Amino acid sequence: MGATTDHALGRNLRFFCKKESAAGGAYGTASQEALVGSDAAKVLTTSFEFSVTRNDRADSRPTRSIQERITGKQEISWSCESYILPAGSTTAPDIDPLIEAAMGGSFGGSVAKTYNLSDSNALPTVHMARTTSGVLREDLFGCYVEEMSISASGGEEPRISFSGGAFNYALTGTGEANGAGSSTSALSVHSGEGVNFMVGSVITLNGAERVITAKTGADALTLSSNHSWSDDADITPSTYTETTAGNPTNGITGSLTLNSVTLPVTSFDVTVTNGIKALSDEAFEKGTSDFVAGFRSVKGNISVRARKDFIKSLAQRYVQTTATASPTFSSVPIQVNLGTTAGKIVAIYVPTAELDFAAIEIPEAEEAVLSIPFTGLASSSGGDEFRIAWNQG
């Protein structure tokens, strides 16, 4: 059997993300934001999860067998992970839409950006898509970021990851036109091929991109605008020539300072959790109808060799005045610089970090390690417990 081009190959995956222009009732619609090649971002992993609840019919019947199921709510979740990819002080990060959605916004310039937290309940949303060489395409509309994490460990390259939910999902496959069309939005496909398309599918037909806005029959589709095509014209998932920038920050340049003291850390991570509640319990809705941003947290962990000077420094953070008194905790600033090249440094700030008691790991015949959890604390005004400065230096 010879080689075939029918397989969806992970090595050919292209990922795209774009900030949606409206949050609230208008977001998450199938034609919200048209993607282009410059919306691409390099990723290590992606996951798009779409499911529809099917409930077994439970009323009385003359058999013990299940004979029917009932459609319930749909659920959508996603995640992705990327290297830290600074591209210099003249180029914004490709994952800028995702960072803004996690933080609430960006400030300080269009390229060398400082991302600050926002206390607004109207967090940005993102249109995301992934494609594999004309075989399939998946789109997520109205994506919100529940968690964003940045991590560095040993000599490995630092990474940034995101996860959250979405409002709508569309899967796009391939097919052929069943009959020619002339300046029309009504497209028929060959029998049985309609299952390859959903409302929201983004297709290329006769060299033009169109969105499927409705399905009027099993193999009858409605396009977002009029178009012309020949009989048996190929219908393929739209994709784009990706334009990306940046090289991975390596794991051997950078620094972590705690209270202005540079520590020889073995690993570091910090996670922003937005506490988003997806409103999916309303009647007459197929899935999530809106989301509410709840209480946010910034938490992380530092692992460092257990040396005498560091233990003394950490001990000063927990003050116990008497044998029976509860300890009091003081806070310290944390700054992490990923990279050392001017204009390509990604700096992470937790200005007021409360350190928890360190867990001490003493493996047999190896060095002891302190694992130090921390929580970012905000001032009375809120929203200043964490920030990222991208393309600095």
Protein backbone atom coordinates (compact mmCIF):
# COMPACT_ATOMS: atom_id res chain seq x y z
CA MET A 1 0.00 0.00 0.00
CA GLY A 2 1.43 3.38 -1.00
CA ALA A 3 1.66 6.60 0.95
CA THR A 4 -1.50 8.65 1.37
CA THR A 5 -2.26 12.26 2.14
CA ASP A 6 -5.51 11.38 3.93
CA HIS A 7 -3.99 11.25 7.42
CA ALA A 8 -4.20 14.14 9.88
CA LEU A 9 -0.62 14.39 11.13
CA GLY A 10 0.34 16.07 14.36
CA ARG A 11 3.64 17.29 12.92
CA ASN A 12 1.65 19.33 10.39
CA LEU A 13 -0.56 20.97 13.02
CA ARG A 14 -1.02 24.72 12.80
CA PHE A 15 -2.47 26.68 15.70
CA PHE A 16 -4.10 30.10 15.49
CA CYS A 17 -5.48 32.46 18.14
CA LYS A 18 -7.07 35.91 17.89
CA LYS A 19 -8.64 38.20 20.45
CA GLU A 20 -12.36 38.57 19.87
CA SER A 21 -13.67 42.06 19.40
CA ALA A 22 -16.57 41.80 21.83
CA ALA A 23 -17.03 40.13 25.17
CA GLY A 24 -20.46 39.23 26.43
CA GLY A 25 -23.43 38.30 24.30
CA ALA A 26 -21.73 38.80 20.94
CA TYR A 27 -18.76 36.59 21.50
CA GLY A 28 -18.51 32.94 20.67
CA THR A 29 -20.35 33.27 17.34
CA ALA A 30 -19.12 31.29 14.37
CA SER A 31 -18.10 34.23 12.20
CA GLN A 32 -16.84 36.42 15.05
CA GLU A 33 -13.23 36.81 13.98
CA ALA A 34 -11.67 35.81 10.66
CA LEU A 35 -8.22 34.30 11.17
CA VAL A 36 -5.15 34.98 9.04
CA GLY A 37 -1.60 33.63 8.90
CA SER A 38 -0.27 36.23 11.33
CA ASP A 39 -2.61 34.84 14.01
CA ALA A 40 -0.49 31.66 14.16
CA ALA A 41 1.45 30.62 17.24
CA LYS A 42 3.89 27.77 17.73
CA VAL A 43 2.74 25.28 20.36
CA LEU A 44 4.14 22.13 21.91
CA THR A 45 0.76 20.58 22.70
CA THR A 46 -2.90 21.40 22.20
CA SER A 47 -6.12 19.79 23.35
CA PHE A 48 -9.64 20.67 22.17
CA GLU A 49 -12.31 18.68 24.03
CA PHE A 50 -15.92 18.78 22.85
CA SER A 51 -18.60 16.49 24.27
CA VAL A 52 -22.38 16.30 24.35
CA THR A 53 -24.14 14.69 27.30
CA ARG A 54 -26.42 11.82 26.34
CA ASN A 55 -28.86 10.72 29.05
CA ASP A 56 -30.42 7.28 29.08
CA ARG A 57 -34.21 7.39 28.89
CA ALA A 58 -35.32 6.21 32.32
CA ASP A 59 -39.12 5.84 32.20
CA SER A 60 -40.89 2.47 32.27
CA ARG A 61 -40.46 0.07 29.35
CA PRO A 62 -41.13 -3.63 28.67
CA THR A 63 -37.42 -4.54 28.63
CA ARG A 64 -34.35 -4.18 30.81
CA SER A 65 -32.39 -2.84 27.86
CA ILE A 66 -31.67 0.81 27.04
CA GLN A 67 -33.68 1.69 23.95
CA GLU A 68 -33.25 5.45 23.67
CA ARG A 69 -31.00 8.29 24.79
CA ILE A 70 -31.74 12.02 25.14
CA THR A 71 -29.41 14.85 24.17
CA GLY A 72 -28.23 17.07 27.04
CA LYS A 73 -25.76 19.90 27.46
CA GLN A 74 -22.55 20.32 25.50
CA GLU A 75 -19.23 20.87 27.25
CA ILE A 76 -16.07 22.40 25.78
CA SER A 77 -12.59 22.62 27.28
CA TRP A 78 -9.14 23.27 25.86
CA SER A 79 -5.47 23.59 26.77
CA CYS A 80 -2.19 24.42 25.08
CA GLU A 81 1.48 24.74 25.96
CA SER A 82 4.29 26.69 24.33
CA TYR A 83 7.91 27.58 24.79
CA ILE A 84 8.65 31.10 25.99
CA LEU A 85 9.29 32.75 22.59
CA PRO A 86 10.41 36.39 22.86
CA ALA A 87 11.09 37.88 19.43
CA GLY A 88 12.69 41.18 20.36
CA SER A 89 11.43 44.60 21.35
CA THR A 90 9.75 45.22 17.97
CA THR A 91 7.58 42.10 17.87
CA ALA A 92 4.66 41.19 20.13
CA PRO A 93 4.45 37.56 21.29
CA ASP A 94 2.36 35.28 19.09
CA ILE A 95 0.43 34.15 22.19
CA ASP A 96 -0.46 37.75 23.08
CA PRO A 97 -4.25 37.09 22.82
CA LEU A 98 -4.01 34.26 25.36
CA ILE A 99 -1.92 36.25 27.84
CA GLU A 100 -4.36 39.15 27.60
CA ALA A 101 -7.29 36.80 28.16
CA ALA A 102 -5.58 35.38 31.27
CA MET A 103 -4.48 38.72 32.72
CA GLY A 104 -7.29 40.99 31.57
CA GLY A 105 -5.22 43.24 29.33
CA SER A 106 -1.79 44.60 28.43
CA PHE A 107 -0.14 47.95 28.87
CA GLY A 108 3.02 49.83 28.11
CA GLY A 109 3.26 49.51 24.33
CA SER A 110 2.23 47.38 21.38
CA VAL A 111 5.28 45.10 21.42
CA ALA A 112 7.46 45.44 24.56
CA LYS A 113 4.47 44.81 26.78
CA THR A 114 3.72 44.75 30.45
CA TYR A 115 0.78 42.51 31.24
CA ASN A 116 -1.08 43.56 34.37
CA LEU A 117 -3.99 41.89 36.09
CA SER A 118 -7.42 43.44 35.73
CA ASP A 119 -10.24 43.38 38.25
CA SER A 120 -12.81 43.74 35.47
CA ASN A 121 -15.41 41.00 35.16
CA ALA A 122 -15.32 41.42 31.36
CA LEU A 123 -12.23 39.34 30.58
CA PRO A 124 -11.19 39.15 26.91
CA THR A 125 -12.11 36.09 24.88
CA VAL A 126 -10.27 34.40 22.03
CA HIS A 127 -11.10 32.60 18.78
CA MET A 128 -8.78 29.59 18.41
CA ALA A 129 -8.33 27.07 15.63
CA ARG A 130 -6.06 24.18 14.78
CA THR A 131 -5.64 22.64 11.34
CA THR A 132 -3.81 19.65 9.88
CA SER A 133 -2.86 19.95 6.20
CA GLY A 134 -6.30 20.21 4.64
CA VAL A 135 -7.64 17.09 6.39
CA LEU A 136 -9.49 18.64 9.31
CA ARG A 137 -9.93 21.88 11.21
CA GLU A 138 -11.30 22.59 14.67
CA ASP A 139 -12.50 26.01 15.80
CA LEU A 140 -13.29 27.18 19.31
CA PHE A 141 -15.26 30.41 19.67
CA GLY A 142 -15.54 32.50 22.83
CA CYS A 143 -12.55 30.92 24.59
CA TYR A 144 -11.82 32.11 28.12
CA VAL A 145 -8.64 31.39 30.10
CA GLU A 146 -9.17 29.80 33.50
CA GLU A 147 -5.49 29.10 34.21
CA MET A 148 -2.15 30.36 32.93
CA SER A 149 1.07 28.78 34.23
CA ILE A 150 4.74 29.59 33.67
CA SER A 151 7.36 27.05 34.69
CA ALA A 152 11.10 26.42 34.52
CA SER A 153 12.89 23.31 35.73
CA GLY A 154 16.56 22.32 35.73
CA GLY A 155 18.11 23.04 32.36
CA GLU A 156 14.87 22.55 30.44
CA GLU A 157 13.37 25.33 28.38
CA PRO A 158 10.81 27.46 30.26
CA ARG A 159 7.22 26.95 29.19
CA ILE A 160 3.89 28.74 29.38
CA SER A 161 0.56 26.92 29.36
CA PHE A 162 -3.10 27.90 29.25
CA SER A 163 -6.41 26.13 29.84
CA GLY A 164 -10.06 27.07 29.94
CA GLY A 165 -13.45 26.67 28.32
CA ALA A 166 -15.32 27.95 25.28
CA PHE A 167 -18.80 28.72 24.05
CA ASN A 168 -18.94 27.05 20.66
CA TYR A 169 -17.07 24.37 18.74
CA ALA A 170 -16.94 23.52 15.04
CA LEU A 171 -15.30 20.57 13.28
CA THR A 172 -14.57 20.88 9.57
CA GLY A 173 -13.78 17.96 7.30
CA THR A 174 -13.76 17.55 3.53
CA GLY A 175 -16.37 17.00 0.83
CA GLU A 176 -17.47 17.83 -2.70
CA ALA A 177 -20.20 20.05 -4.05
CA ASN A 178 -23.26 18.18 -5.29
CA GLY A 179 -24.04 20.34 -8.28
CA ALA A 180 -22.76 23.70 -9.48
CA GLY A 181 -23.64 26.96 -7.76
CA SER A 182 -23.83 30.48 -9.16
CA SER A 183 -23.76 33.47 -6.81
CA THR A 184 -25.64 31.64 -4.06
CA SER A 185 -25.24 30.84 -0.39
CA ALA A 186 -26.97 27.44 -0.65
CA LEU A 187 -24.42 24.61 -0.94
CA SER A 188 -25.28 20.93 -1.31
CA VAL A 189 -22.70 18.21 -0.73
CA HIS A 190 -22.73 14.59 -1.82
CA SER A 191 -24.90 12.20 0.15
CA GLY A 192 -23.48 11.43 3.57
CA GLU A 193 -20.83 14.18 3.50
CA GLY A 194 -22.88 16.66 5.51
CA VAL A 195 -21.65 15.05 8.72
CA ASN A 196 -18.19 16.43 7.94
CA PHE A 197 -19.39 19.97 8.59
CA MET A 198 -20.95 21.86 11.50
CA VAL A 199 -22.43 25.28 11.98
CA GLY A 200 -19.31 27.40 12.33
CA SER A 201 -17.16 25.28 9.99
CA VAL A 202 -14.67 27.42 8.06
CA ILE A 203 -14.21 26.06 4.54
CA THR A 204 -12.36 26.87 1.34
CA LEU A 205 -14.48 26.46 -1.79
CA ASN A 206 -13.26 27.42 -5.25
CA GLY A 207 -10.43 29.48 -3.75
CA ALA A 208 -12.58 31.49 -1.33
CA GLU A 209 -13.15 31.15 2.40
CA ARG A 210 -16.68 30.87 3.71
CA VAL A 211 -18.28 30.06 7.07
CA ILE A 212 -21.17 27.60 7.31
CA THR A 213 -23.86 29.52 9.13
CA ALA A 214 -26.66 26.93 9.03
CA LYS A 215 -27.54 23.37 8.02
CA THR A 216 -30.95 23.16 6.38
CA GLY A 217 -30.75 19.42 5.76
CA ALA A 218 -28.42 16.48 6.27
CA ASP A 219 -26.34 17.48 3.23
CA ALA A 220 -27.58 21.07 2.72
CA LEU A 221 -25.39 23.92 3.99
CA THR A 222 -25.80 27.70 4.12
CA LEU A 223 -22.72 29.85 3.47
CA SER A 224 -21.91 33.17 5.13
CA SER A 225 -22.07 34.96 1.74
CA ASN A 226 -22.83 34.18 -1.90
CA HIS A 227 -20.30 32.31 -3.99
CA SER A 228 -19.99 30.32 -7.24
CA TRP A 229 -18.52 26.85 -7.82
CA SER A 230 -18.56 23.93 -10.23
CA ASP A 231 -20.07 20.50 -9.76
CA ASP A 232 -17.87 18.24 -7.62
CA ALA A 233 -15.78 21.23 -6.49
CA ASP A 234 -13.55 20.31 -3.55
CA ILE A 235 -14.55 21.59 -0.11
CA THR A 236 -11.62 21.68 2.29
CA PRO A 237 -10.96 23.04 5.78
CA SER A 238 -9.45 26.51 5.55
CA THR A 239 -5.87 26.93 6.68
CA TYR A 240 -3.28 29.66 6.30
CA THR A 241 0.43 30.10 5.72
CA GLU A 242 1.57 30.69 9.27
CA THR A 243 3.69 33.67 10.25
CA THR A 244 5.35 33.27 13.64
CA ALA A 245 8.27 34.85 15.44
CA GLY A 246 10.63 34.16 18.30
CA ASN A 247 13.09 31.51 19.41
CA PRO A 248 12.77 29.45 22.60
CA THR A 249 14.34 30.91 25.71
CA ASN A 250 16.81 28.33 26.96
CA GLY A 251 16.84 26.99 30.48
CA ILE A 252 20.39 28.03 31.34
CA THR A 253 20.10 31.83 31.22
CA GLY A 254 18.10 33.90 33.64
CA SER A 255 17.68 34.29 37.37
CA LEU A 256 15.29 34.17 40.31
CA THR A 257 15.61 36.64 43.16
CA LEU A 258 13.72 36.41 46.43
CA ASN A 259 13.87 39.59 48.49
CA SER A 260 16.76 40.73 46.23
CA VAL A 261 18.76 37.54 46.95
CA THR A 262 19.52 35.40 43.91
CA LEU A 263 18.70 31.74 44.57
CA PRO A 264 20.11 28.67 42.76
CA VAL A 265 16.68 27.18 42.12
CA THR A 266 16.05 23.72 40.71
CA SER A 267 12.52 24.61 39.57
CA PHE A 268 9.98 27.41 39.61
CA ASP A 269 6.33 27.70 38.67
CA VAL A 270 3.55 30.23 39.05
CA THR A 271 -0.12 29.91 38.12
CA VAL A 272 -2.81 32.54 37.70
CA THR A 273 -6.26 31.04 38.32
CA ASN A 274 -9.19 33.25 37.35
CA GLY A 275 -11.90 31.37 39.26
CA ILE A 276 -14.25 31.49 36.27
CA LYS A 277 -17.72 30.05 36.66
CA ALA A 278 -19.24 28.96 33.37
CA LEU A 279 -23.00 29.53 33.42
CA SER A 280 -24.26 26.29 31.93
CA ASP A 281 -27.24 25.54 34.16
CA GLU A 282 -29.83 27.65 32.35
CA ALA A 283 -32.83 26.00 30.74
CA PHE A 284 -33.22 26.15 26.97
CA GLU A 285 -29.47 26.62 26.42
CA LYS A 286 -27.37 23.94 24.70
CA GLY A 287 -24.26 24.77 26.72
CA THR A 288 -22.52 27.72 28.36
CA SER A 289 -24.47 30.96 27.99
CA ASP A 290 -22.01 33.27 29.75
CA PHE A 291 -19.22 33.22 32.31
CA VAL A 292 -18.49 35.09 35.51
CA ALA A 293 -14.97 35.87 36.72
CA GLY A 294 -14.74 34.92 40.40
CA PHE A 295 -11.98 35.28 42.96
CA ARG A 296 -8.52 35.12 41.41
CA SER A 297 -5.41 33.53 42.89
CA VAL A 298 -1.69 33.71 42.09
CA LYS A 299 0.17 30.74 43.54
CA GLY A 300 3.45 29.06 42.82
CA ASN A 301 6.37 27.05 44.08
CA ILE A 302 10.14 27.46 44.29
CA SER A 303 12.49 24.51 44.75
CA VAL A 304 15.98 25.32 46.01
CA ARG A 305 18.91 23.39 47.48
CA ALA A 306 18.78 23.26 51.28
CA ARG A 307 21.84 25.29 52.17
CA LYS A 308 22.50 26.86 55.57
CA ASP A 309 22.24 30.46 54.38
CA PHE A 310 18.93 29.89 52.57
CA ILE A 311 17.39 28.06 55.53
CA LYS A 312 18.30 31.04 57.72
CA SER A 313 16.77 33.45 55.22
CA LEU A 314 13.57 31.44 55.03
CA ALA A 315 13.34 31.02 58.78
CA GLN A 316 13.19 34.79 59.09
CA ARG A 317 9.88 34.71 57.18
CA TYR A 318 8.19 32.75 59.98
CA VAL A 319 8.41 34.53 63.30
CA GLN A 320 7.31 32.68 66.45
CA THR A 321 7.76 34.81 69.56
CA THR A 322 7.06 32.08 72.15
CA ALA A 323 6.76 28.33 72.21
CA THR A 324 2.98 28.53 72.23
CA ALA A 325 2.43 31.52 69.99
CA SER A 326 1.20 31.10 66.45
CA PRO A 327 3.86 32.10 63.90
CA THR A 328 3.44 35.29 61.94
CA PHE A 329 4.37 35.47 58.28
CA SER A 330 6.15 38.21 56.38
CA SER A 331 6.13 38.73 52.63
CA VAL A 332 8.94 39.18 50.11
CA PRO A 333 9.17 40.24 46.46
CA ILE A 334 9.94 37.60 43.83
CA GLN A 335 11.36 38.40 40.41
CA VAL A 336 12.15 35.86 37.71
CA ASN A 337 14.05 36.81 34.57
CA LEU A 338 13.81 34.31 31.71
CA GLY A 339 16.74 34.95 29.39
CA THR A 340 19.46 37.58 29.52
CA THR A 341 19.46 39.04 25.99
CA ALA A 342 18.44 42.70 25.97
CA GLY A 343 15.02 43.17 24.38
CA LYS A 344 14.20 39.46 24.75
CA ILE A 345 13.91 39.08 28.51
CA VAL A 346 10.60 37.89 29.93
CA ALA A 347 10.39 39.17 33.50
CA ILE A 348 7.87 37.84 36.02
CA TYR A 349 7.05 39.83 39.14
CA VAL A 350 5.25 38.85 42.33
CA PRO A 351 5.80 42.07 44.33
CA THR A 352 4.36 40.73 47.59
CA ALA A 353 4.72 36.96 47.97
CA GLU A 354 3.82 35.24 51.22
CA LEU A 355 5.92 32.08 51.63
CA ASP A 356 4.41 29.01 53.22
CA PHE A 357 6.44 26.61 55.33
CA ALA A 358 8.86 24.78 53.08
CA ALA A 359 8.59 21.05 52.55
CA ILE A 360 12.06 19.51 52.98
CA GLU A 361 12.87 16.62 50.69
CA ILE A 362 15.91 14.57 51.75
CA PRO A 363 16.42 11.78 49.23
CA GLU A 364 18.88 9.04 50.12
CA ALA A 365 22.47 9.94 49.19
CA GLU A 366 21.40 13.16 47.48
CA GLU A 367 21.14 16.83 48.35
CA ALA A 368 18.17 18.01 50.36
CA VAL A 369 15.75 20.34 48.55
CA LEU A 370 13.40 22.95 49.96
CA SER A 371 10.05 23.15 48.18
CA ILE A 372 8.58 26.56 49.00
CA PRO A 373 4.94 27.34 48.07
CA PHE A 374 4.00 31.00 47.80
CA THR A 375 0.89 33.12 47.29
CA GLY A 376 0.83 36.53 45.63
CA LEU A 377 -0.91 39.17 47.75
CA ALA A 378 -2.45 42.34 46.36
CA SER A 379 -2.52 45.79 47.91
CA SER A 380 -5.75 47.41 49.05
CA SER A 381 -6.48 48.51 45.48
CA GLY A 382 -6.19 44.95 44.12
CA GLY A 383 -4.88 43.65 40.82
CA ASP A 384 -1.18 44.30 41.52
CA GLU A 385 -0.10 40.91 42.86
CA PHE A 386 1.44 39.71 39.58
CA ARG A 387 2.69 41.09 36.28
CA ILE A 388 4.71 40.01 33.26
CA ALA A 389 7.09 42.24 31.29
CA TRP A 390 7.66 40.73 27.84
CA ASN A 391 10.56 41.69 25.52
CA GLN A 392 12.29 43.73 28.19
CA GLY A 393 15.92 44.64 28.79
